[in-house]
Amino acid sequence: METNFNELDADKILGTLTTLQTRIEERFPGSGLSRLCKQFTIAASELKEIANRINKPYYGLRLLITLVVIGLLIFLVLTGINSYKEAIINNTQLVNHLNPTVLFSTIESIINDLIFVSLAIYFLYSIEIRIKRKTTLNALHHLRNLAHIIDMHQLTKDPIIITHPQPTLSSPKRLMTPFELERYLDYCSEMLSIISKIGALFSQNLPDDIINRHVNDLNDLTQGLSAKIWQKIMIMDDEVENN
């Protein structure tokens, strides 16, 4: 099957994450990062299904809304007819049914009903996007939490202390070699990148300004956290070269 390079493939993203989980488990078996990545993989599978549902039309809801709109339009027509008839009946000085007073009164009533029906139709047709928006924002909130948890795992991984250990009584144990620390930090950066890509799944087929803004905010967050990690990696490389 030909690969589509115009949009992200959720299955390939999930496959990349699964491979990353295996790599972390092989390098750091039983570690907190390995358990975190395993939970992330499970959550990503669920988020993929949510993104797939959101990117498809809600045909049942659309059919229901269409039926309601048709009912409103029928109501509008019947209301206009009734208003015209009532105006004729109430006009005791009526010469014929095309009396301007009758027509203006009827038109005014129809305009008022038309405004009401238009607002109702707008509200009904916005239900789908509002449901999708709420679901998407909840998913993006979960991804943001994961990004911060990943950042907490690398928070105490200081390359200077690895190469020049001067621990205090409260210092965490430093059992990694410089190479292992670099791999650990790189895994964290990869996980953050995948979080950003999963977030992008929710906006690639759903043009909504609010969703796009939150997806971009998630991307900025993961890029900022990843930049801090790569600063540590660069410091580690410099320390290794100088020593």
Protein backbone atom coordinates (compact mmCIF):
# COMPACT_ATOMS: atom_id res chain seq x y z
CA MET A 1 0.00 0.00 0.00
CA GLU A 2 1.32 3.44 -0.96
CA THR A 3 2.37 5.62 1.95
CA ASN A 4 0.54 8.91 2.40
CA PHE A 5 3.08 11.62 3.21
CA ASN A 6 0.42 14.35 3.50
CA GLU A 7 -0.71 13.44 7.01
CA LEU A 8 0.49 11.69 10.14
CA ASP A 9 -0.11 7.94 10.41
CA ALA A 10 -1.38 7.06 13.89
CA ASP A 11 -0.40 3.39 13.56
CA LYS A 12 3.20 4.26 12.65
CA ILE A 13 3.44 6.71 15.55
CA LEU A 14 2.21 3.99 17.89
CA GLY A 15 4.67 1.53 16.34
CA THR A 16 7.53 3.96 16.94
CA LEU A 17 6.46 4.35 20.56
CA THR A 18 6.24 0.57 21.03
CA THR A 19 9.76 0.17 19.66
CA LEU A 20 10.97 2.93 21.98
CA GLN A 21 9.41 1.14 24.94
CA THR A 22 11.32 -2.02 23.99
CA ARG A 23 14.57 -0.08 23.65
CA ILE A 24 14.15 1.53 27.07
CA GLU A 25 13.32 -1.80 28.72
CA GLU A 26 16.37 -3.43 27.15
CA ARG A 27 18.68 -0.59 28.21
CA PHE A 28 17.12 0.14 31.63
CA PRO A 29 15.12 -2.93 32.66
CA GLY A 30 12.64 -2.33 35.46
CA SER A 31 13.40 1.40 35.60
CA GLY A 32 10.84 4.11 36.30
CA LEU A 33 11.30 5.44 32.78
CA SER A 34 10.55 2.01 31.35
CA ARG A 35 7.33 1.73 33.38
CA LEU A 36 6.36 5.25 32.38
CA CYS A 37 6.88 4.49 28.70
CA LYS A 38 4.78 1.33 29.05
CA GLN A 39 1.91 3.38 30.52
CA PHE A 40 2.42 5.96 27.80
CA THR A 41 2.10 3.25 25.13
CA ILE A 42 -1.20 2.06 26.61
CA ALA A 43 -2.50 5.63 26.82
CA ALA A 44 -1.33 6.38 23.27
CA SER A 45 -3.30 3.41 21.94
CA GLU A 46 -6.45 4.78 23.59
CA LEU A 47 -5.76 8.30 22.36
CA LYS A 48 -5.28 6.99 18.82
CA GLU A 49 -8.78 5.51 18.87
CA ILE A 50 -10.17 8.79 20.22
CA ALA A 51 -8.40 10.75 17.47
CA ASN A 52 -9.75 8.38 14.81
CA ARG A 53 -13.31 8.89 16.08
CA ILE A 54 -12.92 12.66 16.23
CA ASN A 55 -11.56 12.88 12.70
CA LYS A 56 -14.67 11.13 11.33
CA PRO A 57 -18.10 12.76 10.89
CA TYR A 58 -20.76 11.94 13.48
CA TYR A 59 -23.33 10.81 10.94
CA GLY A 60 -25.98 9.86 13.50
CA LEU A 61 -25.78 13.25 15.18
CA ARG A 62 -25.80 15.03 11.82
CA LEU A 63 -28.93 13.13 10.73
CA LEU A 64 -30.69 14.02 13.97
CA ILE A 65 -29.73 17.68 13.63
CA THR A 66 -30.88 17.75 10.01
CA LEU A 67 -34.29 16.38 10.99
CA VAL A 68 -34.59 19.00 13.72
CA VAL A 69 -33.61 21.76 11.29
CA ILE A 70 -36.21 20.58 8.78
CA GLY A 71 -38.78 20.66 11.58
CA LEU A 72 -37.74 24.22 12.46
CA LEU A 73 -38.04 25.33 8.83
CA ILE A 74 -41.50 23.79 8.58
CA PHE A 75 -42.39 25.58 11.81
CA LEU A 76 -41.12 28.84 10.32
CA VAL A 77 -43.24 28.44 7.19
CA LEU A 78 -46.37 27.53 9.14
CA THR A 79 -45.81 30.42 11.52
CA GLY A 80 -45.53 32.82 8.59
CA ILE A 81 -48.75 31.53 7.07
CA ASN A 82 -50.59 31.76 10.38
CA SER A 83 -49.28 35.28 10.98
CA TYR A 84 -50.54 36.36 7.58
CA LYS A 85 -53.95 34.84 8.20
CA GLU A 86 -54.24 36.44 11.64
CA ALA A 87 -53.29 39.80 10.20
CA ILE A 88 -56.04 39.47 7.60
CA ILE A 89 -58.62 38.52 10.19
CA ASN A 90 -57.65 41.33 12.56
CA ASN A 91 -57.65 43.99 9.89
CA THR A 92 -61.31 45.05 9.81
CA GLN A 93 -60.71 47.69 7.17
CA LEU A 94 -59.08 45.22 4.77
CA VAL A 95 -59.83 45.86 1.12
CA ASN A 96 -57.89 42.85 -0.21
CA HIS A 97 -55.34 40.37 1.00
CA LEU A 98 -52.47 42.35 -0.47
CA ASN A 99 -53.01 45.29 1.86
CA PRO A 100 -49.55 46.77 2.69
CA THR A 101 -50.35 46.87 6.40
CA VAL A 102 -51.03 43.16 6.38
CA LEU A 103 -47.89 42.39 4.40
CA PHE A 104 -45.61 44.50 6.61
CA SER A 105 -47.01 42.93 9.75
CA THR A 106 -46.51 39.47 8.32
CA ILE A 107 -42.98 40.21 7.12
CA GLU A 108 -42.00 41.59 10.54
CA SER A 109 -43.25 38.43 12.23
CA ILE A 110 -41.43 36.22 9.71
CA ILE A 111 -38.17 38.13 10.21
CA ASN A 112 -38.36 37.68 13.98
CA ASP A 113 -39.02 33.96 13.59
CA LEU A 114 -36.24 33.71 10.98
CA ILE A 115 -33.69 35.22 13.39
CA PHE A 116 -34.73 32.78 16.10
CA VAL A 117 -34.58 29.79 13.76
CA SER A 118 -31.19 30.89 12.36
CA LEU A 119 -29.71 31.06 15.86
CA ALA A 120 -31.19 27.66 16.66
CA ILE A 121 -29.73 26.15 13.46
CA TYR A 122 -26.30 27.65 14.21
CA PHE A 123 -26.41 26.21 17.72
CA LEU A 124 -27.45 22.76 16.47
CA TYR A 125 -24.77 22.54 13.80
CA SER A 126 -22.11 23.62 16.31
CA ILE A 127 -22.93 20.73 18.65
CA GLU A 128 -20.65 18.28 16.82
CA ILE A 129 -17.59 20.52 16.86
CA ARG A 130 -18.18 21.40 20.52
CA ILE A 131 -18.35 17.73 21.47
CA LYS A 132 -15.16 17.01 19.51
CA ARG A 133 -13.47 20.07 20.99
CA LYS A 134 -14.21 19.01 24.56
CA THR A 135 -12.95 15.47 23.92
CA THR A 136 -9.81 16.79 22.23
CA LEU A 137 -8.99 19.25 25.01
CA ASN A 138 -9.28 16.45 27.58
CA ALA A 139 -6.88 14.31 25.52
CA LEU A 140 -4.40 17.18 25.13
CA HIS A 141 -4.57 17.81 28.87
CA HIS A 142 -3.59 14.18 29.46
CA LEU A 143 -0.67 14.54 27.03
CA ARG A 144 0.53 17.70 28.80
CA ASN A 145 0.53 15.82 32.09
CA LEU A 146 2.63 13.07 30.53
CA ALA A 147 5.11 15.63 29.22
CA HIS A 148 5.59 17.08 32.69
CA ILE A 149 6.00 13.60 34.20
CA ILE A 150 8.71 12.81 31.64
CA ASP A 151 10.40 16.08 32.55
CA MET A 152 10.35 15.07 36.22
CA HIS A 153 12.16 11.81 35.37
CA GLN A 154 15.09 13.68 33.82
CA LEU A 155 15.05 16.56 36.29
CA THR A 156 17.80 15.23 38.59
CA LYS A 157 19.91 13.76 35.76
CA ASP A 158 22.71 16.33 35.97
CA PRO A 159 25.64 15.57 33.62
CA ILE A 160 28.10 17.58 35.71
CA ILE A 161 27.44 15.47 38.80
CA ILE A 162 27.89 12.31 36.73
CA THR A 163 31.32 13.37 35.49
CA HIS A 164 32.37 15.21 38.68
CA PRO A 165 30.52 13.52 41.56
CA GLN A 166 30.48 15.47 44.81
CA PRO A 167 27.38 14.01 46.50
CA THR A 168 25.78 15.22 49.70
CA LEU A 169 23.74 13.16 52.12
CA SER A 170 20.53 14.13 50.30
CA SER A 171 21.87 13.61 46.77
CA PRO A 172 20.19 10.88 44.71
CA LYS A 173 22.28 7.86 43.80
CA ARG A 174 24.20 8.27 40.54
CA LEU A 175 24.71 4.83 39.08
CA MET A 176 24.71 5.69 35.37
CA THR A 177 27.74 6.00 33.18
CA PRO A 178 27.96 9.05 30.89
CA PHE A 179 26.87 6.88 27.95
CA GLU A 180 23.85 5.54 29.87
CA LEU A 181 22.85 9.02 30.98
CA GLU A 182 23.01 10.28 27.41
CA ARG A 183 20.79 7.41 26.25
CA TYR A 184 18.39 8.07 29.12
CA LEU A 185 18.08 11.73 28.21
CA ASP A 186 17.68 10.89 24.53
CA TYR A 187 14.82 8.50 25.35
CA CYS A 188 13.08 11.27 27.28
CA SER A 189 13.44 13.60 24.31
CA GLU A 190 12.00 10.97 21.96
CA MET A 191 9.00 10.45 24.22
CA LEU A 192 8.34 14.19 24.27
CA SER A 193 8.51 14.29 20.48
CA ILE A 194 5.99 11.45 20.21
CA ILE A 195 3.66 13.28 22.61
CA SER A 196 3.71 16.24 20.23
CA LYS A 197 2.93 14.02 17.23
CA ILE A 198 0.01 12.33 18.99
CA GLY A 199 -1.35 15.77 19.83
CA ALA A 200 -1.12 16.75 16.16
CA LEU A 201 -3.37 13.81 15.25
CA PHE A 202 -6.28 15.65 16.82
CA SER A 203 -6.01 18.68 14.55
CA GLN A 204 -4.85 17.40 11.17
CA ASN A 205 -8.39 16.63 9.94
CA LEU A 206 -10.35 18.91 12.26
CA PRO A 207 -10.04 22.61 11.32
CA ASP A 208 -10.85 24.40 14.56
CA ASP A 209 -8.95 27.45 15.82
CA ILE A 210 -9.28 26.54 19.50
CA ILE A 211 -8.03 22.97 18.96
CA ASN A 212 -5.19 24.18 16.74
CA ARG A 213 -4.11 26.67 19.40
CA HIS A 214 -3.99 24.01 22.12
CA VAL A 215 -2.13 21.59 19.84
CA ASN A 216 0.44 24.31 19.11
CA ASP A 217 0.76 25.03 22.84
CA LEU A 218 1.46 21.34 23.46
CA ASN A 219 4.08 21.37 20.70
CA ASP A 220 5.74 24.45 22.23
CA LEU A 221 5.77 22.76 25.65
CA THR A 222 7.41 19.55 24.39
CA GLN A 223 9.93 21.49 22.31
CA GLY A 224 10.89 23.61 25.30
CA LEU A 225 11.32 20.57 27.57
CA SER A 226 13.25 18.74 24.87
CA ALA A 227 15.56 21.73 24.39
CA LYS A 228 16.52 21.56 28.08
CA ILE A 229 17.31 17.87 27.67
CA TRP A 230 19.51 18.47 24.66
CA GLN A 231 21.40 21.14 26.57
CA LYS A 232 22.26 18.44 29.11
CA ILE A 233 23.33 16.07 26.32
CA MET A 234 25.61 18.74 24.84
CA ILE A 235 27.12 19.43 28.25
CA MET A 236 27.68 15.70 28.68
CA ASP A 237 29.45 15.45 25.32
CA ASP A 238 31.69 18.39 26.20
CA GLU A 239 32.55 16.91 29.60
CA VAL A 240 33.40 13.53 28.06
CA GLU A 241 35.61 15.15 25.41
CA ASN A 242 37.43 17.28 27.99
CA ASN A 243 38.04 14.31 30.22
